[in-house]
Amino acid sequence: MTIDDEEAAGAVTLMDTLPDRHRTVLRLRLAHGLPAVEVARILGTNVEAVLLLQHAALNLLRRHLAAGVVVDGDSPADGRY
């Protein structure tokens, strides 16, 4: 399975809808593959906070996808986000 440029652009746009801290946690955990303990050290927090932020970020992404917040890298027609 591969991701084309359009899908990648949509994913980046979707990530940009997240609050900064949520986005940072996901990038460090998923894109860079860092363990929660290392992310906690980088952010100056604890592992539990990192895991909660990660969980919240993924839930926000799921809700945005379900609501059609980002489609093909564009903002929704109703002007939200």
PDB file of N, CA and C in Angstrom:
ATOM      1  N   MET A   1       0.843  -1.177   0.000  1.00  0.00           N
ATOM      2  CA  MET A   1       0.000   0.000   0.000  1.00  0.00           C
ATOM      3  C   MET A   1       0.888   1.240   0.000  1.00  0.00           C
ATOM      4  N   THR A   2       0.580   2.182  -0.859  1.00  0.00           N
ATOM      5  CA  THR A   2       1.354   3.410  -0.925  1.00  0.00           C
ATOM      6  C   THR A   2       0.432   4.609  -0.762  1.00  0.00           C
ATOM      7  N   ILE A   3       1.035   5.707  -0.367  1.00  0.00           N
ATOM      8  CA  ILE A   3       0.291   6.951  -0.208  1.00  0.00           C
ATOM      9  C   ILE A   3       0.704   7.868  -1.341  1.00  0.00           C
ATOM     10  N   ASP A   4      -0.282   8.378  -2.095  1.00  0.00           N
ATOM     11  CA  ASP A   4       0.063   9.295  -3.176  1.00  0.00           C
ATOM     12  C   ASP A   4       0.210  10.721  -2.636  1.00  0.00           C
ATOM     13  N   ASP A   5       0.646  11.632  -3.484  1.00  0.00           N
ATOM     14  CA  ASP A   5       0.901  13.014  -3.066  1.00  0.00           C
ATOM     15  C   ASP A   5      -0.346  13.697  -2.522  1.00  0.00           C
ATOM     16  N   GLU A   6      -1.495  13.427  -3.125  1.00  0.00           N
ATOM     17  CA  GLU A   6      -2.745  14.043  -2.693  1.00  0.00           C
ATOM     18  C   GLU A   6      -3.129  13.568  -1.289  1.00  0.00           C
ATOM     19  N   GLU A   7      -2.988  12.273  -1.041  1.00  0.00           N
ATOM     20  CA  GLU A   7      -3.282  11.733   0.289  1.00  0.00           C
ATOM     21  C   GLU A   7      -2.320  12.299   1.325  1.00  0.00           C
ATOM     22  N   ALA A   8      -1.043  12.399   0.955  1.00  0.00           N
ATOM     23  CA  ALA A   8      -0.040  12.941   1.872  1.00  0.00           C
ATOM     24  C   ALA A   8      -0.353  14.394   2.211  1.00  0.00           C
ATOM     25  N   ALA A   9      -0.750  15.173   1.212  1.00  0.00           N
ATOM     26  CA  ALA A   9      -1.099  16.572   1.449  1.00  0.00           C
ATOM     27  C   ALA A   9      -2.310  16.672   2.367  1.00  0.00           C
ATOM     28  N   GLY A  10      -3.288  15.796   2.183  1.00  0.00           N
ATOM     29  CA  GLY A  10      -4.462  15.775   3.054  1.00  0.00           C
ATOM     30  C   GLY A  10      -4.100  15.416   4.477  1.00  0.00           C
ATOM     31  N   ALA A  11      -3.168  14.475   4.638  1.00  0.00           N
ATOM     32  CA  ALA A  11      -2.733  14.076   5.977  1.00  0.00           C
ATOM     33  C   ALA A  11      -2.021  15.225   6.681  1.00  0.00           C
ATOM     34  N   VAL A  12      -1.177  15.938   5.946  1.00  0.00           N
ATOM     35  CA  VAL A  12      -0.471  17.082   6.536  1.00  0.00           C
ATOM     36  C   VAL A  12      -1.463  18.154   6.942  1.00  0.00           C
ATOM     37  N   THR A  13      -2.427  18.433   6.074  1.00  0.00           N
ATOM     38  CA  THR A  13      -3.445  19.439   6.385  1.00  0.00           C
ATOM     39  C   THR A  13      -4.258  19.018   7.594  1.00  0.00           C
ATOM     40  N   LEU A  14      -4.592  17.749   7.670  1.00  0.00           N
ATOM     41  CA  LEU A  14      -5.347  17.241   8.814  1.00  0.00           C
ATOM     42  C   LEU A  14      -4.540  17.378  10.100  1.00  0.00           C
ATOM     43  N   MET A  15      -3.261  17.047  10.049  1.00  0.00           N
ATOM     44  CA  MET A  15      -2.401  17.198  11.232  1.00  0.00           C
ATOM     45  C   MET A  15      -2.342  18.657  11.672  1.00  0.00           C
ATOM     46  N   ASP A  16      -2.382  19.573  10.708  1.00  0.00           N
ATOM     47  CA  ASP A  16      -2.306  20.994  11.032  1.00  0.00           C
ATOM     48  C   ASP A  16      -3.546  21.506  11.755  1.00  0.00           C
ATOM     49  N   THR A  17      -4.623  20.719  11.768  1.00  0.00           N
ATOM     50  CA  THR A  17      -5.824  21.132  12.512  1.00  0.00           C
ATOM     51  C   THR A  17      -5.673  20.888  14.004  1.00  0.00           C
ATOM     52  N   LEU A  18      -4.655  20.115  14.383  1.00  0.00           N
ATOM     53  CA  LEU A  18      -4.458  19.776  15.796  1.00  0.00           C
ATOM     54  C   LEU A  18      -3.784  20.912  16.550  1.00  0.00           C
ATOM     55  N   PRO A  19      -4.063  21.015  17.850  1.00  0.00           N
ATOM     56  CA  PRO A  19      -3.311  21.961  18.680  1.00  0.00           C
ATOM     57  C   PRO A  19      -1.818  21.596  18.643  1.00  0.00           C
ATOM     58  N   ASP A  20      -0.964  22.582  18.831  1.00  0.00           N
ATOM     59  CA  ASP A  20       0.485  22.386  18.702  1.00  0.00           C
ATOM     60  C   ASP A  20       1.012  21.209  19.513  1.00  0.00           C
ATOM     61  N   ARG A  21       0.647  21.128  20.767  1.00  0.00           N
ATOM     62  CA  ARG A  21       1.199  20.076  21.637  1.00  0.00           C
ATOM     63  C   ARG A  21       0.776  18.678  21.165  1.00  0.00           C
ATOM     64  N   HIS A  22      -0.482  18.558  20.737  1.00  0.00           N
ATOM     65  CA  HIS A  22      -0.974  17.282  20.219  1.00  0.00           C
ATOM     66  C   HIS A  22      -0.194  16.887  18.962  1.00  0.00           C
ATOM     67  N   ARG A  23      -0.029  17.858  18.062  1.00  0.00           N
ATOM     68  CA  ARG A  23       0.686  17.613  16.810  1.00  0.00           C
ATOM     69  C   ARG A  23       2.139  17.206  17.084  1.00  0.00           C
ATOM     70  N   THR A  24       2.766  17.884  18.027  1.00  0.00           N
ATOM     71  CA  THR A  24       4.154  17.574  18.372  1.00  0.00           C
ATOM     72  C   THR A  24       4.288  16.155  18.902  1.00  0.00           C
ATOM     73  N   VAL A  25       3.389  15.766  19.784  1.00  0.00           N
ATOM     74  CA  VAL A  25       3.437  14.410  20.343  1.00  0.00           C
ATOM     75  C   VAL A  25       3.280  13.373  19.241  1.00  0.00           C
ATOM     76  N   LEU A  26       2.318  13.571  18.348  1.00  0.00           N
ATOM     77  CA  LEU A  26       2.126  12.596  17.273  1.00  0.00           C
ATOM     78  C   LEU A  26       3.336  12.528  16.350  1.00  0.00           C
ATOM     79  N   ARG A  27       3.889  13.658  16.014  1.00  0.00           N
ATOM     80  CA  ARG A  27       5.062  13.638  15.129  1.00  0.00           C
ATOM     81  C   ARG A  27       6.235  12.926  15.783  1.00  0.00           C
ATOM     82  N   LEU A  28       6.484  13.223  17.050  1.00  0.00           N
ATOM     83  CA  LEU A  28       7.597  12.573  17.743  1.00  0.00           C
ATOM     84  C   LEU A  28       7.364  11.072  17.905  1.00  0.00           C
ATOM     85  N   ARG A  29       6.132  10.705  18.253  1.00  0.00           N
ATOM     86  CA  ARG A  29       5.829   9.294  18.500  1.00  0.00           C
ATOM     87  C   ARG A  29       5.729   8.496  17.198  1.00  0.00           C
ATOM     88  N   LEU A  30       5.005   9.031  16.212  1.00  0.00           N
ATOM     89  CA  LEU A  30       4.723   8.259  15.004  1.00  0.00           C
ATOM     90  C   LEU A  30       5.744   8.481  13.898  1.00  0.00           C
ATOM     91  N   ALA A  31       6.038   9.716  13.575  1.00  0.00           N
ATOM     92  CA  ALA A  31       6.950   9.988  12.463  1.00  0.00           C
ATOM     93  C   ALA A  31       8.401   9.676  12.829  1.00  0.00           C
ATOM     94  N   HIS A  32       8.768   9.996  14.064  1.00  0.00           N
ATOM     95  CA  HIS A  32      10.148   9.771  14.486  1.00  0.00           C
ATOM     96  C   HIS A  32      10.325   8.481  15.276  1.00  0.00           C
ATOM     97  N   GLY A  33       9.223   7.852  15.645  1.00  0.00           N
ATOM     98  CA  GLY A  33       9.279   6.561  16.323  1.00  0.00           C
ATOM     99  C   GLY A  33       9.869   6.592  17.728  1.00  0.00           C
ATOM    100  N   LEU A  34       9.763   7.739  18.386  1.00  0.00           N
ATOM    101  CA  LEU A  34      10.330   7.844  19.730  1.00  0.00           C
ATOM    102  C   LEU A  34       9.414   7.199  20.772  1.00  0.00           C
ATOM    103  N   PRO A  35       9.988   6.579  21.773  1.00  0.00           N
ATOM    104  CA  PRO A  35       9.169   6.030  22.855  1.00  0.00           C
ATOM    105  C   PRO A  35       8.588   7.158  23.704  1.00  0.00           C
ATOM    106  N   ALA A  36       7.498   6.865  24.376  1.00  0.00           N
ATOM    107  CA  ALA A  36       6.806   7.874  25.187  1.00  0.00           C
ATOM    108  C   ALA A  36       7.729   8.496  26.234  1.00  0.00           C
ATOM    109  N   VAL A  37       8.618   7.714  26.783  1.00  0.00           N
ATOM    110  CA  VAL A  37       9.518   8.244  27.808  1.00  0.00           C
ATOM    111  C   VAL A  37      10.453   9.304  27.226  1.00  0.00           C
ATOM    112  N   GLU A  38      10.903   9.107  25.991  1.00  0.00           N
ATOM    113  CA  GLU A  38      11.781  10.086  25.339  1.00  0.00           C
ATOM    114  C   GLU A  38      10.999  11.348  24.980  1.00  0.00           C
ATOM    115  N   VAL A  39       9.781  11.189  24.500  1.00  0.00           N
ATOM    116  CA  VAL A  39       8.936  12.340  24.185  1.00  0.00           C
ATOM    117  C   VAL A  39       8.664  13.137  25.453  1.00  0.00           C
ATOM    118  N   ALA A  40       8.403  12.455  26.539  1.00  0.00           N
ATOM    119  CA  ALA A  40       8.169  13.127  27.821  1.00  0.00           C
ATOM    120  C   ALA A  40       9.398  13.939  28.225  1.00  0.00           C
ATOM    121  N   ARG A  41      10.569  13.375  28.045  1.00  0.00           N
ATOM    122  CA  ARG A  41      11.810  14.082  28.389  1.00  0.00           C
ATOM    123  C   ARG A  41      11.968  15.336  27.528  1.00  0.00           C
ATOM    124  N   ILE A  42      11.726  15.198  26.229  1.00  0.00           N
ATOM    125  CA  ILE A  42      11.859  16.323  25.301  1.00  0.00           C
ATOM    126  C   ILE A  42      10.890  17.445  25.661  1.00  0.00           C
ATOM    127  N   LEU A  43       9.658  17.076  25.993  1.00  0.00           N
ATOM    128  CA  LEU A  43       8.620  18.066  26.273  1.00  0.00           C
ATOM    129  C   LEU A  43       8.616  18.541  27.732  1.00  0.00           C
ATOM    130  N   GLY A  44       9.431  17.919  28.563  1.00  0.00           N
ATOM    131  CA  GLY A  44       9.478  18.323  29.964  1.00  0.00           C
ATOM    132  C   GLY A  44       8.229  17.959  30.733  1.00  0.00           C
ATOM    133  N   THR A  45       7.697  16.785  30.433  1.00  0.00           N
ATOM    134  CA  THR A  45       6.478  16.326  31.105  1.00  0.00           C
ATOM    135  C   THR A  45       6.672  14.858  31.479  1.00  0.00           C
ATOM    136  N   ASN A  46       5.583  14.184  31.830  1.00  0.00           N
ATOM    137  CA  ASN A  46       5.698  12.771  32.203  1.00  0.00           C
ATOM    138  C   ASN A  46       5.073  11.872  31.136  1.00  0.00           C
ATOM    139  N   VAL A  47       5.355  10.594  31.238  1.00  0.00           N
ATOM    140  CA  VAL A  47       4.887   9.625  30.249  1.00  0.00           C
ATOM    141  C   VAL A  47       3.361   9.601  30.176  1.00  0.00           C
ATOM    142  N   GLU A  48       2.707   9.684  31.309  1.00  0.00           N
ATOM    143  CA  GLU A  48       1.237   9.645  31.327  1.00  0.00           C
ATOM    144  C   GLU A  48       0.656  10.802  30.522  1.00  0.00           C
ATOM    145  N   ALA A  49       1.246  11.992  30.658  1.00  0.00           N
ATOM    146  CA  ALA A  49       0.767  13.157  29.905  1.00  0.00           C
ATOM    147  C   ALA A  49       0.970  12.947  28.407  1.00  0.00           C
ATOM    148  N   VAL A  50       2.089  12.382  28.021  1.00  0.00           N
ATOM    149  CA  VAL A  50       2.363  12.108  26.609  1.00  0.00           C
ATOM    150  C   VAL A  50       1.332  11.131  26.056  1.00  0.00           C
ATOM    151  N   LEU A  51       1.063  10.074  26.789  1.00  0.00           N
ATOM    152  CA  LEU A  51       0.093   9.078  26.324  1.00  0.00           C
ATOM    153  C   LEU A  51      -1.312   9.661  26.244  1.00  0.00           C
ATOM    154  N   LEU A  52      -1.667  10.518  27.193  1.00  0.00           N
ATOM    155  CA  LEU A  52      -2.981  11.175  27.139  1.00  0.00           C
ATOM    156  C   LEU A  52      -3.074  12.120  25.949  1.00  0.00           C
ATOM    157  N   LEU A  53      -2.007  12.887  25.700  1.00  0.00           N
ATOM    158  CA  LEU A  53      -2.000  13.783  24.541  1.00  0.00           C
ATOM    159  C   LEU A  53      -2.089  12.997  23.237  1.00  0.00           C
ATOM    160  N   GLN A  54      -1.373  11.892  23.165  1.00  0.00           N
ATOM    161  CA  GLN A  54      -1.419  11.058  21.964  1.00  0.00           C
ATOM    162  C   GLN A  54      -2.827  10.519  21.743  1.00  0.00           C
ATOM    163  N   HIS A  55      -3.430  10.020  22.787  1.00  0.00           N
ATOM    164  CA  HIS A  55      -4.790   9.482  22.702  1.00  0.00           C
ATOM    165  C   HIS A  55      -5.771  10.576  22.264  1.00  0.00           C
ATOM    166  N   ALA A  56      -5.661  11.741  22.874  1.00  0.00           N
ATOM    167  CA  ALA A  56      -6.551  12.850  22.534  1.00  0.00           C
ATOM    168  C   ALA A  56      -6.340  13.288  21.084  1.00  0.00           C
ATOM    169  N   ALA A  57      -5.092  13.341  20.650  1.00  0.00           N
ATOM    170  CA  ALA A  57      -4.787  13.751  19.274  1.00  0.00           C
ATOM    171  C   ALA A  57      -5.390  12.780  18.267  1.00  0.00           C
ATOM    172  N   LEU A  58      -5.237  11.497  18.516  1.00  0.00           N
ATOM    173  CA  LEU A  58      -5.799  10.497  17.609  1.00  0.00           C
ATOM    174  C   LEU A  58      -7.322  10.569  17.588  1.00  0.00           C
ATOM    175  N   ASN A  59      -7.934  10.807  18.734  1.00  0.00           N
ATOM    176  CA  ASN A  59      -9.395  10.964  18.774  1.00  0.00           C
ATOM    177  C   ASN A  59      -9.838  12.191  17.992  1.00  0.00           C
ATOM    178  N   LEU A  60      -9.102  13.299  18.111  1.00  0.00           N
ATOM    179  CA  LEU A  60      -9.425  14.500  17.335  1.00  0.00           C
ATOM    180  C   LEU A  60      -9.319  14.225  15.836  1.00  0.00           C
ATOM    181  N   LEU A  61      -8.276  13.533  15.433  1.00  0.00           N
ATOM    182  CA  LEU A  61      -8.126  13.195  14.020  1.00  0.00           C
ATOM    183  C   LEU A  61      -9.284  12.335  13.533  1.00  0.00           C
ATOM    184  N   ARG A  62      -9.681  11.359  14.344  1.00  0.00           N
ATOM    185  CA  ARG A  62     -10.821  10.504  13.968  1.00  0.00           C
ATOM    186  C   ARG A  62     -12.090  11.328  13.794  1.00  0.00           C
ATOM    187  N   ARG A  63     -12.331  12.244  14.738  1.00  0.00           N
ATOM    188  CA  ARG A  63     -13.531  13.089  14.652  1.00  0.00           C
ATOM    189  C   ARG A  63     -13.479  13.989  13.433  1.00  0.00           C
ATOM    190  N   HIS A  64     -12.313  14.567  13.155  1.00  0.00           N
ATOM    191  CA  HIS A  64     -12.177  15.427  11.983  1.00  0.00           C
ATOM    192  C   HIS A  64     -12.413  14.647  10.699  1.00  0.00           C
ATOM    193  N   LEU A  65     -11.876  13.445  10.622  1.00  0.00           N
ATOM    194  CA  LEU A  65     -12.103  12.616   9.443  1.00  0.00           C
ATOM    195  C   LEU A  65     -13.578  12.265   9.292  1.00  0.00           C
ATOM    196  N   ALA A  66     -14.216  11.879  10.392  1.00  0.00           N
ATOM    197  CA  ALA A  66     -15.634  11.505  10.353  1.00  0.00           C
ATOM    198  C   ALA A  66     -16.513  12.685   9.953  1.00  0.00           C
ATOM    199  N   ALA A  67     -16.111  13.890  10.366  1.00  0.00           N
ATOM    200  CA  ALA A  67     -16.892  15.086  10.058  1.00  0.00           C
ATOM    201  C   ALA A  67     -16.541  15.660   8.686  1.00  0.00           C
ATOM    202  N   GLY A  68     -15.546  15.076   8.029  1.00  0.00           N
ATOM    203  CA  GLY A  68     -15.139  15.587   6.724  1.00  0.00           C
ATOM    204  C   GLY A  68     -14.427  16.915   6.813  1.00  0.00           C
ATOM    205  N   VAL A  69     -13.722  17.153   7.908  1.00  0.00           N
ATOM    206  CA  VAL A  69     -13.040  18.430   8.099  1.00  0.00           C
ATOM    207  C   VAL A  69     -12.031  18.673   6.997  1.00  0.00           C
ATOM    208  N   VAL A  70     -11.316  17.652   6.566  1.00  0.00           N
ATOM    209  CA  VAL A  70     -10.327  17.800   5.508  1.00  0.00           C
ATOM    210  C   VAL A  70     -10.606  16.753   4.447  1.00  0.00           C
ATOM    211  N   VAL A  71     -10.799  17.217   3.240  1.00  0.00           N
ATOM    212  CA  VAL A  71     -11.016  16.306   2.117  1.00  0.00           C
ATOM    213  C   VAL A  71     -10.075  16.729   1.004  1.00  0.00           C
ATOM    214  N   ASP A  72      -9.223  15.837   0.578  1.00  0.00           N
ATOM    215  CA  ASP A  72      -8.277  16.108  -0.503  1.00  0.00           C
ATOM    216  C   ASP A  72      -7.428  17.338  -0.244  1.00  0.00           C
ATOM    217  N   GLY A  73      -7.078  17.572   1.028  1.00  0.00           N
ATOM    218  CA  GLY A  73      -6.202  18.677   1.360  1.00  0.00           C
ATOM    219  C   GLY A  73      -6.889  20.022   1.430  1.00  0.00           C
ATOM    220  N   ASP A  74      -8.223  20.074   1.247  1.00  0.00           N
ATOM    221  CA  ASP A  74      -8.947  21.327   1.299  1.00  0.00           C
ATOM    222  C   ASP A  74      -9.694  21.465   2.605  1.00  0.00           C
ATOM    223  N   SER A  75      -9.998  22.725   2.969  1.00  0.00           N
ATOM    224  CA  SER A  75     -10.833  22.987   4.138  1.00  0.00           C
ATOM    225  C   SER A  75     -12.276  22.699   3.792  1.00  0.00           C
ATOM    226  N   PRO A  76     -13.115  22.423   4.777  1.00  0.00           N
ATOM    227  CA  PRO A  76     -14.522  22.123   4.507  1.00  0.00           C
ATOM    228  C   PRO A  76     -15.253  23.356   3.968  1.00  0.00           C
ATOM    229  N   ALA A  77     -16.332  23.103   3.256  1.00  0.00           N
ATOM    230  CA  ALA A  77     -17.095  24.177   2.639  1.00  0.00           C
ATOM    231  C   ALA A  77     -17.739  25.104   3.656  1.00  0.00           C
ATOM    232  N   ASP A  78     -18.045  24.616   4.841  1.00  0.00           N
ATOM    233  CA  ASP A  78     -18.744  25.444   5.820  1.00  0.00           C
ATOM    234  C   ASP A  78     -17.824  26.420   6.546  1.00  0.00           C
ATOM    235  N   GLY A  79     -16.522  26.402   6.254  1.00  0.00           N
ATOM    236  CA  GLY A  79     -15.600  27.370   6.817  1.00  0.00           C
ATOM    237  C   GLY A  79     -15.020  27.031   8.169  1.00  0.00           C
ATOM    238  N   ARG A  80     -15.383  25.880   8.733  1.00  0.00           N
ATOM    239  CA  ARG A  80     -14.781  25.502  10.016  1.00  0.00           C
ATOM    240  C   ARG A  80     -13.312  25.201   9.782  1.00  0.00           C
ATOM    241  N   TYR A  81     -12.492  25.503  10.768  1.00  0.00           N
ATOM    242  CA  TYR A  81     -11.054  25.233  10.758  1.00  0.00           C
ATOM    243  C   TYR A  81     -10.398  26.029   9.694  1.00  0.00           C
TER     244      TYR A  81
END
